[in-house]
């Protein structure tokens, strides 16, 4: 009687046990969570979004934003009225815009991708102000001015939450100057934050008087 040989099946790499696979998945999830937390912390430490995503060839300098206490501010509430105490330009008024009766007015604009800067929608934040220092034009805000929130309701931010501020200069018979100093702020919920270059002018480089003040509305409280 002949003997027969029973072949032993070849064995390949063993599959991990279900418990082992579960541990690997759990470790992977934990690693992803840790990386997300680290990225968020670094983002916050760097100040969040720190680059203005657009440029404006008509911007001649940076604005200094001043609180109602006469000190520079770089953030605040969109619900505050007035939005700031005053805005001070770093660029001197030029030509006929520097003449007698010169005025400065602060506007907010809604940056939109694909549109030229002169096509952006805008709205004034202050009334026109006369100012004393031709080297540093400025606009005063008063309690008669509305909060920034009113602008945001009419023109919600469309480009990474940004709003551009412009200080327009003019004088009787001279029209509006072609260039303007600017500030770029980013909106997060009910707060705003200055992004990019801050103005170099002092909040006390002269004085400004809003025509709302002369009309009897009084100075900023």
C-alpha atoms as a PDB file:
ATOM      1  CA  UNK A   1       0.000   0.000   0.000  1.00  0.00           C
ATOM      2  CA  UNK A   2       1.541   3.269  -1.100  1.00  0.00           C
ATOM      3  CA  UNK A   3       1.783   6.113   1.279  1.00  0.00           C
ATOM      4  CA  UNK A   4       0.417   9.589   0.338  1.00  0.00           C
ATOM      5  CA  UNK A   5       1.796  12.940   1.277  1.00  0.00           C
ATOM      6  CA  UNK A   6      -0.514  15.664   2.480  1.00  0.00           C
ATOM      7  CA  UNK A   7       0.692  19.067   1.349  1.00  0.00           C
ATOM      8  CA  UNK A   8       0.782  21.799   3.933  1.00  0.00           C
ATOM      9  CA  UNK A   9      -0.759  24.986   2.526  1.00  0.00           C
ATOM     10  CA  UNK A  10       1.591  27.917   2.239  1.00  0.00           C
ATOM     11  CA  UNK A  11       0.979  30.682   4.716  1.00  0.00           C
ATOM     12  CA  UNK A  12       1.222  34.381   3.846  1.00  0.00           C
ATOM     13  CA  UNK A  13       1.565  37.425   6.059  1.00  0.00           C
ATOM     14  CA  UNK A  14      -0.829  37.272   8.908  1.00  0.00           C
ATOM     15  CA  UNK A  15      -3.579  39.935   9.048  1.00  0.00           C
ATOM     16  CA  UNK A  16      -3.631  42.078  12.173  1.00  0.00           C
ATOM     17  CA  UNK A  17      -6.160  41.150  14.741  1.00  0.00           C
ATOM     18  CA  UNK A  18      -9.292  43.324  14.899  1.00  0.00           C
ATOM     19  CA  UNK A  19      -8.144  44.822  18.193  1.00  0.00           C
ATOM     20  CA  UNK A  20      -4.786  45.763  16.656  1.00  0.00           C
ATOM     21  CA  UNK A  21      -6.488  47.459  13.689  1.00  0.00           C
ATOM     22  CA  UNK A  22      -8.654  49.432  16.087  1.00  0.00           C
ATOM     23  CA  UNK A  23      -5.614  50.686  17.978  1.00  0.00           C
ATOM     24  CA  UNK A  24      -3.965  51.805  14.732  1.00  0.00           C
ATOM     25  CA  UNK A  25      -7.056  53.742  13.675  1.00  0.00           C
ATOM     26  CA  UNK A  26      -7.299  55.355  17.104  1.00  0.00           C
ATOM     27  CA  UNK A  27      -3.641  56.396  17.018  1.00  0.00           C
ATOM     28  CA  UNK A  28      -4.133  57.899  13.554  1.00  0.00           C
ATOM     29  CA  UNK A  29      -7.111  59.930  14.729  1.00  0.00           C
ATOM     30  CA  UNK A  30      -5.213  61.189  17.784  1.00  0.00           C
ATOM     31  CA  UNK A  31      -2.279  62.264  15.612  1.00  0.00           C
ATOM     32  CA  UNK A  32      -4.594  64.186  13.271  1.00  0.00           C
ATOM     33  CA  UNK A  33      -6.276  65.926  16.202  1.00  0.00           C
ATOM     34  CA  UNK A  34      -2.889  66.928  17.670  1.00  0.00           C
ATOM     35  CA  UNK A  35      -1.728  68.308  14.321  1.00  0.00           C
ATOM     36  CA  UNK A  36      -4.949  70.306  13.966  1.00  0.00           C
ATOM     37  CA  UNK A  37      -4.534  71.779  17.460  1.00  0.00           C
ATOM     38  CA  UNK A  38      -0.905  72.718  16.793  1.00  0.00           C
ATOM     39  CA  UNK A  39      -1.878  74.393  13.509  1.00  0.00           C
ATOM     40  CA  UNK A  40      -4.657  76.346  15.215  1.00  0.00           C
ATOM     41  CA  UNK A  41      -2.326  77.532  18.002  1.00  0.00           C
ATOM     42  CA  UNK A  42       0.307  78.660  15.512  1.00  0.00           C
ATOM     43  CA  UNK A  43      -2.385  80.448  13.510  1.00  0.00           C
ATOM     44  CA  UNK A  44      -3.577  82.349  16.561  1.00  0.00           C
ATOM     45  CA  UNK A  45      -0.044  83.210  17.702  1.00  0.00           C
ATOM     46  CA  UNK A  46       0.712  84.649  14.278  1.00  0.00           C
ATOM     47  CA  UNK A  47      -2.341  86.877  14.560  1.00  0.00           C
ATOM     48  CA  UNK A  48      -4.557  84.867  12.221  1.00  0.00           C
ATOM     49  CA  UNK A  49      -4.833  86.060   8.654  1.00  0.00           C
ATOM     50  CA  UNK A  50      -1.996  88.567   8.370  1.00  0.00           C
ATOM     51  CA  UNK A  51      -1.861  89.409   4.668  1.00  0.00           C
ATOM     52  CA  UNK A  52      -4.102  91.779   2.752  1.00  0.00           C
ATOM     53  CA  UNK A  53      -5.165  89.864  -0.393  1.00  0.00           C
ATOM     54  CA  UNK A  54      -5.447  92.913  -2.651  1.00  0.00           C
ATOM     55  CA  UNK A  55      -3.573  96.089  -3.551  1.00  0.00           C
ATOM     56  CA  UNK A  56      -4.696  99.607  -4.425  1.00  0.00           C
ATOM     57  CA  UNK A  57      -2.531 101.727  -6.710  1.00  0.00           C
ATOM     58  CA  UNK A  58      -4.275 104.881  -5.484  1.00  0.00           C
ATOM     59  CA  UNK A  59      -3.319 104.276  -1.860  1.00  0.00           C
ATOM     60  CA  UNK A  60      -0.664 106.850  -0.944  1.00  0.00           C
ATOM     61  CA  UNK A  61       0.023 105.761   2.645  1.00  0.00           C
ATOM     62  CA  UNK A  62      -1.290 104.150   5.805  1.00  0.00           C
ATOM     63  CA  UNK A  63      -3.891 105.555   8.163  1.00  0.00           C
ATOM     64  CA  UNK A  64      -3.497 105.747  11.926  1.00  0.00           C
ATOM     65  CA  UNK A  65      -6.758 104.764  13.593  1.00  0.00           C
ATOM     66  CA  UNK A  66      -7.313 106.481  16.927  1.00  0.00           C
ATOM     67  CA  UNK A  67      -9.691 105.646  19.740  1.00  0.00           C
ATOM     68  CA  UNK A  68     -11.916 108.143  21.486  1.00  0.00           C
ATOM     69  CA  UNK A  69      -9.152 108.397  24.121  1.00  0.00           C
ATOM     70  CA  UNK A  70      -6.708 109.819  21.571  1.00  0.00           C
ATOM     71  CA  UNK A  71      -4.555 106.672  21.445  1.00  0.00           C
ATOM     72  CA  UNK A  72      -3.879 104.410  18.421  1.00  0.00           C
ATOM     73  CA  UNK A  73      -6.128 101.360  18.134  1.00  0.00           C
ATOM     74  CA  UNK A  74      -5.747  98.228  16.031  1.00  0.00           C
ATOM     75  CA  UNK A  75      -8.954  96.389  16.914  1.00  0.00           C
ATOM     76  CA  UNK A  76     -12.396  96.984  18.303  1.00  0.00           C
ATOM     77  CA  UNK A  77     -16.110  96.244  18.170  1.00  0.00           C
ATOM     78  CA  UNK A  78     -18.134  96.654  14.995  1.00  0.00           C
ATOM     79  CA  UNK A  79     -21.030  97.752  17.222  1.00  0.00           C
ATOM     80  CA  UNK A  80     -19.192 100.739  18.702  1.00  0.00           C
ATOM     81  CA  UNK A  81     -20.539 104.137  17.703  1.00  0.00           C
ATOM     82  CA  UNK A  82     -18.554 105.963  16.639  1.00  0.00           C
ATOM     83  CA  UNK A  83     -16.333 103.331  15.059  1.00  0.00           C
ATOM     84  CA  UNK A  84     -13.155 105.220  16.103  1.00  0.00           C
ATOM     85  CA  UNK A  85     -12.323 108.675  17.449  1.00  0.00           C
ATOM     86  CA  UNK A  86     -10.403 109.910  14.415  1.00  0.00           C
ATOM     87  CA  UNK A  87      -8.377 108.733  11.430  1.00  0.00           C
ATOM     88  CA  UNK A  88      -5.024 110.414  10.722  1.00  0.00           C
ATOM     89  CA  UNK A  89      -3.220 110.300   7.384  1.00  0.00           C
ATOM     90  CA  UNK A  90       0.513 109.825   6.913  1.00  0.00           C
ATOM     91  CA  UNK A  91       0.565 111.664   3.582  1.00  0.00           C
ATOM     92  CA  UNK A  92       0.420 115.461   3.345  1.00  0.00           C
ATOM     93  CA  UNK A  93      -2.377 117.092   1.398  1.00  0.00           C
ATOM     94  CA  UNK A  94      -1.118 118.194  -2.001  1.00  0.00           C
ATOM     95  CA  UNK A  95      -1.864 121.117  -4.300  1.00  0.00           C
ATOM     96  CA  UNK A  96      -5.311 122.623  -4.241  1.00  0.00           C
ATOM     97  CA  UNK A  97      -6.511 119.970  -1.758  1.00  0.00           C
ATOM     98  CA  UNK A  98      -4.267 121.658   0.827  1.00  0.00           C
ATOM     99  CA  UNK A  99      -5.877 125.064   0.416  1.00  0.00           C
ATOM    100  CA  UNK A 100      -8.181 127.043   2.662  1.00  0.00           C
ATOM    101  CA  UNK A 101     -11.297 125.180   3.791  1.00  0.00           C
ATOM    102  CA  UNK A 102      -9.626 121.807   3.225  1.00  0.00           C
ATOM    103  CA  UNK A 103     -11.562 118.791   4.480  1.00  0.00           C
ATOM    104  CA  UNK A 104     -11.037 115.072   5.092  1.00  0.00           C
ATOM    105  CA  UNK A 105     -13.700 112.359   5.188  1.00  0.00           C
ATOM    106  CA  UNK A 106     -13.367 108.699   6.190  1.00  0.00           C
ATOM    107  CA  UNK A 107     -15.068 106.104   3.998  1.00  0.00           C
ATOM    108  CA  UNK A 108     -15.397 102.311   4.168  1.00  0.00           C
ATOM    109  CA  UNK A 109     -15.258 100.180   1.019  1.00  0.00           C
ATOM    110  CA  UNK A 110     -16.156  96.569   0.223  1.00  0.00           C
ATOM    111  CA  UNK A 111     -13.282  94.798  -1.585  1.00  0.00           C
ATOM    112  CA  UNK A 112     -14.508  92.420  -4.304  1.00  0.00           C
ATOM    113  CA  UNK A 113     -12.404  89.959  -6.257  1.00  0.00           C
ATOM    114  CA  UNK A 114     -12.382  90.632  -9.982  1.00  0.00           C
ATOM    115  CA  UNK A 115     -13.457  94.257  -9.586  1.00  0.00           C
ATOM    116  CA  UNK A 116     -11.229  97.324  -9.837  1.00  0.00           C
ATOM    117  CA  UNK A 117     -10.802  99.309  -6.630  1.00  0.00           C
ATOM    118  CA  UNK A 118     -12.800 102.230  -8.023  1.00  0.00           C
ATOM    119  CA  UNK A 119     -15.704  99.828  -8.604  1.00  0.00           C
ATOM    120  CA  UNK A 120     -15.948  98.734  -4.964  1.00  0.00           C
ATOM    121  CA  UNK A 121     -19.039  99.810  -3.054  1.00  0.00           C
ATOM    122  CA  UNK A 122     -18.414 102.425  -0.366  1.00  0.00           C
ATOM    123  CA  UNK A 123     -20.095 104.481   2.307  1.00  0.00           C
ATOM    124  CA  UNK A 124     -18.908 107.303   4.533  1.00  0.00           C
ATOM    125  CA  UNK A 125     -18.135 106.556   8.174  1.00  0.00           C
ATOM    126  CA  UNK A 126     -17.678 110.183   9.222  1.00  0.00           C
ATOM    127  CA  UNK A 127     -18.851 113.557   8.048  1.00  0.00           C
ATOM    128  CA  UNK A 128     -16.315 115.913   6.473  1.00  0.00           C
ATOM    129  CA  UNK A 129     -13.830 117.470   8.911  1.00  0.00           C
ATOM    130  CA  UNK A 130     -11.687 120.562   8.636  1.00  0.00           C
ATOM    131  CA  UNK A 131      -8.161 119.937   9.948  1.00  0.00           C
ATOM    132  CA  UNK A 132      -5.228 122.027  11.103  1.00  0.00           C
ATOM    133  CA  UNK A 133      -2.104 120.125  10.013  1.00  0.00           C
ATOM    134  CA  UNK A 134      -1.713 119.916   6.236  1.00  0.00           C
ATOM    135  CA  UNK A 135       1.043 117.307   6.716  1.00  0.00           C
ATOM    136  CA  UNK A 136      -1.341 114.962   8.508  1.00  0.00           C
ATOM    137  CA  UNK A 137      -4.938 115.264   7.288  1.00  0.00           C
ATOM    138  CA  UNK A 138      -7.483 113.805   9.680  1.00  0.00           C
ATOM    139  CA  UNK A 139     -11.186 113.174  10.071  1.00  0.00           C
ATOM    140  CA  UNK A 140     -13.014 113.358  13.383  1.00  0.00           C
ATOM    141  CA  UNK A 141     -15.764 110.921  14.336  1.00  0.00           C
ATOM    142  CA  UNK A 142     -18.629 112.045  16.545  1.00  0.00           C
ATOM    143  CA  UNK A 143     -21.521 110.500  18.425  1.00  0.00           C
ATOM    144  CA  UNK A 144     -23.678 111.358  15.415  1.00  0.00           C
ATOM    145  CA  UNK A 145     -21.753 108.810  13.279  1.00  0.00           C
ATOM    146  CA  UNK A 146     -23.072 105.274  12.975  1.00  0.00           C
ATOM    147  CA  UNK A 147     -21.293 102.082  13.964  1.00  0.00           C
ATOM    148  CA  UNK A 148     -19.218 100.090  11.471  1.00  0.00           C
ATOM    149  CA  UNK A 149     -21.898  97.397  11.767  1.00  0.00           C
ATOM    150  CA  UNK A 150     -24.288  99.555   9.721  1.00  0.00           C
ATOM    151  CA  UNK A 151     -21.851  99.480   6.797  1.00  0.00           C
ATOM    152  CA  UNK A 152     -21.366  95.714   7.150  1.00  0.00           C
ATOM    153  CA  UNK A 153     -25.120  95.122   6.992  1.00  0.00           C
ATOM    154  CA  UNK A 154     -25.389  97.139   3.788  1.00  0.00           C
ATOM    155  CA  UNK A 155     -22.142  95.780   2.278  1.00  0.00           C
ATOM    156  CA  UNK A 156     -21.148  92.422   3.841  1.00  0.00           C
ATOM    157  CA  UNK A 157     -17.437  91.551   3.430  1.00  0.00           C
ATOM    158  CA  UNK A 158     -16.892  89.404   0.340  1.00  0.00           C
ATOM    159  CA  UNK A 159     -13.122  88.964   0.289  1.00  0.00           C
ATOM    160  CA  UNK A 160     -11.730  87.098   3.285  1.00  0.00           C
ATOM    161  CA  UNK A 161     -13.658  89.375   5.641  1.00  0.00           C
ATOM    162  CA  UNK A 162     -11.799  92.536   4.597  1.00  0.00           C
ATOM    163  CA  UNK A 163     -12.976  96.135   4.579  1.00  0.00           C
ATOM    164  CA  UNK A 164     -10.826  98.961   3.191  1.00  0.00           C
ATOM    165  CA  UNK A 165     -10.879 102.395   4.826  1.00  0.00           C
ATOM    166  CA  UNK A 166     -10.011 105.480   2.773  1.00  0.00           C
ATOM    167  CA  UNK A 167      -9.386 109.069   3.847  1.00  0.00           C
ATOM    168  CA  UNK A 168     -10.574 111.312   1.029  1.00  0.00           C
ATOM    169  CA  UNK A 169      -9.254 114.875   0.841  1.00  0.00           C
ATOM    170  CA  UNK A 170     -10.870 117.871  -0.822  1.00  0.00           C
ATOM    171  CA  UNK A 171     -11.106 121.654  -0.723  1.00  0.00           C
ATOM    172  CA  UNK A 172     -13.628 124.193  -2.021  1.00  0.00           C
ATOM    173  CA  UNK A 173     -13.350 124.480  -5.787  1.00  0.00           C
ATOM    174  CA  UNK A 174     -10.644 121.776  -5.917  1.00  0.00           C
ATOM    175  CA  UNK A 175     -12.644 118.569  -6.105  1.00  0.00           C
ATOM    176  CA  UNK A 176     -11.516 115.324  -4.489  1.00  0.00           C
ATOM    177  CA  UNK A 177      -7.834 114.314  -4.502  1.00  0.00           C
ATOM    178  CA  UNK A 178      -7.007 111.366  -6.768  1.00  0.00           C
ATOM    179  CA  UNK A 179      -5.104 109.467  -4.067  1.00  0.00           C
ATOM    180  CA  UNK A 180      -5.901 108.654  -0.460  1.00  0.00           C
ATOM    181  CA  UNK A 181      -4.388 107.042   2.613  1.00  0.00           C
ATOM    182  CA  UNK A 182      -5.856 103.673   3.574  1.00  0.00           C
ATOM    183  CA  UNK A 183      -6.218 101.097   6.326  1.00  0.00           C
ATOM    184  CA  UNK A 184      -7.337  97.498   5.887  1.00  0.00           C
ATOM    185  CA  UNK A 185      -9.367  95.796   8.570  1.00  0.00           C
ATOM    186  CA  UNK A 186     -10.628  92.242   8.803  1.00  0.00           C
ATOM    187  CA  UNK A 187     -13.973  91.355  10.325  1.00  0.00           C
ATOM    188  CA  UNK A 188     -14.412  88.396  12.681  1.00  0.00           C
ATOM    189  CA  UNK A 189     -17.929  88.201  14.054  1.00  0.00           C
ATOM    190  CA  UNK A 190     -18.599  91.426  15.949  1.00  0.00           C
ATOM    191  CA  UNK A 191     -14.957  92.524  16.046  1.00  0.00           C
ATOM    192  CA  UNK A 192     -12.544  94.148  13.613  1.00  0.00           C
ATOM    193  CA  UNK A 193      -8.760  93.978  13.441  1.00  0.00           C
ATOM    194  CA  UNK A 194      -6.203  96.077  11.552  1.00  0.00           C
ATOM    195  CA  UNK A 195      -4.217  93.968   9.067  1.00  0.00           C
ATOM    196  CA  UNK A 196      -1.090  95.045   7.229  1.00  0.00           C
ATOM    197  CA  UNK A 197       0.728  98.345   7.588  1.00  0.00           C
ATOM    198  CA  UNK A 198      -0.219 100.614  10.470  1.00  0.00           C
ATOM    199  CA  UNK A 199      -0.015 104.380  10.115  1.00  0.00           C
ATOM    200  CA  UNK A 200       3.039 106.233  11.394  1.00  0.00           C
ATOM    201  CA  UNK A 201       1.253 109.497  12.223  1.00  0.00           C
ATOM    202  CA  UNK A 202       0.418 110.419  15.795  1.00  0.00           C
ATOM    203  CA  UNK A 203      -3.178 110.767  16.934  1.00  0.00           C
ATOM    204  CA  UNK A 204      -2.209 114.234  18.178  1.00  0.00           C
ATOM    205  CA  UNK A 205      -0.499 115.507  14.990  1.00  0.00           C
ATOM    206  CA  UNK A 206      -2.960 118.343  14.729  1.00  0.00           C
ATOM    207  CA  UNK A 207      -6.689 118.652  15.246  1.00  0.00           C
ATOM    208  CA  UNK A 208      -9.862 118.009  13.256  1.00  0.00           C
ATOM    209  CA  UNK A 209     -13.388 119.356  13.599  1.00  0.00           C
ATOM    210  CA  UNK A 210     -16.316 117.507  12.073  1.00  0.00           C
ATOM    211  CA  UNK A 211     -19.084 119.579  10.551  1.00  0.00           C
ATOM    212  CA  UNK A 212     -21.362 117.538  12.814  1.00  0.00           C
ATOM    213  CA  UNK A 213     -19.637 119.169  15.765  1.00  0.00           C
ATOM    214  CA  UNK A 214     -20.181 122.647  14.374  1.00  0.00           C
ATOM    215  CA  UNK A 215     -23.800 121.669  13.707  1.00  0.00           C
ATOM    216  CA  UNK A 216     -24.292 121.083  17.435  1.00  0.00           C
ATOM    217  CA  UNK A 217     -23.908 117.325  17.773  1.00  0.00           C
ATOM    218  CA  UNK A 218     -20.942 117.717  20.083  1.00  0.00           C
ATOM    219  CA  UNK A 219     -17.541 116.022  20.137  1.00  0.00           C
ATOM    220  CA  UNK A 220     -16.904 112.335  20.534  1.00  0.00           C
ATOM    221  CA  UNK A 221     -17.748 111.358  24.134  1.00  0.00           C
END
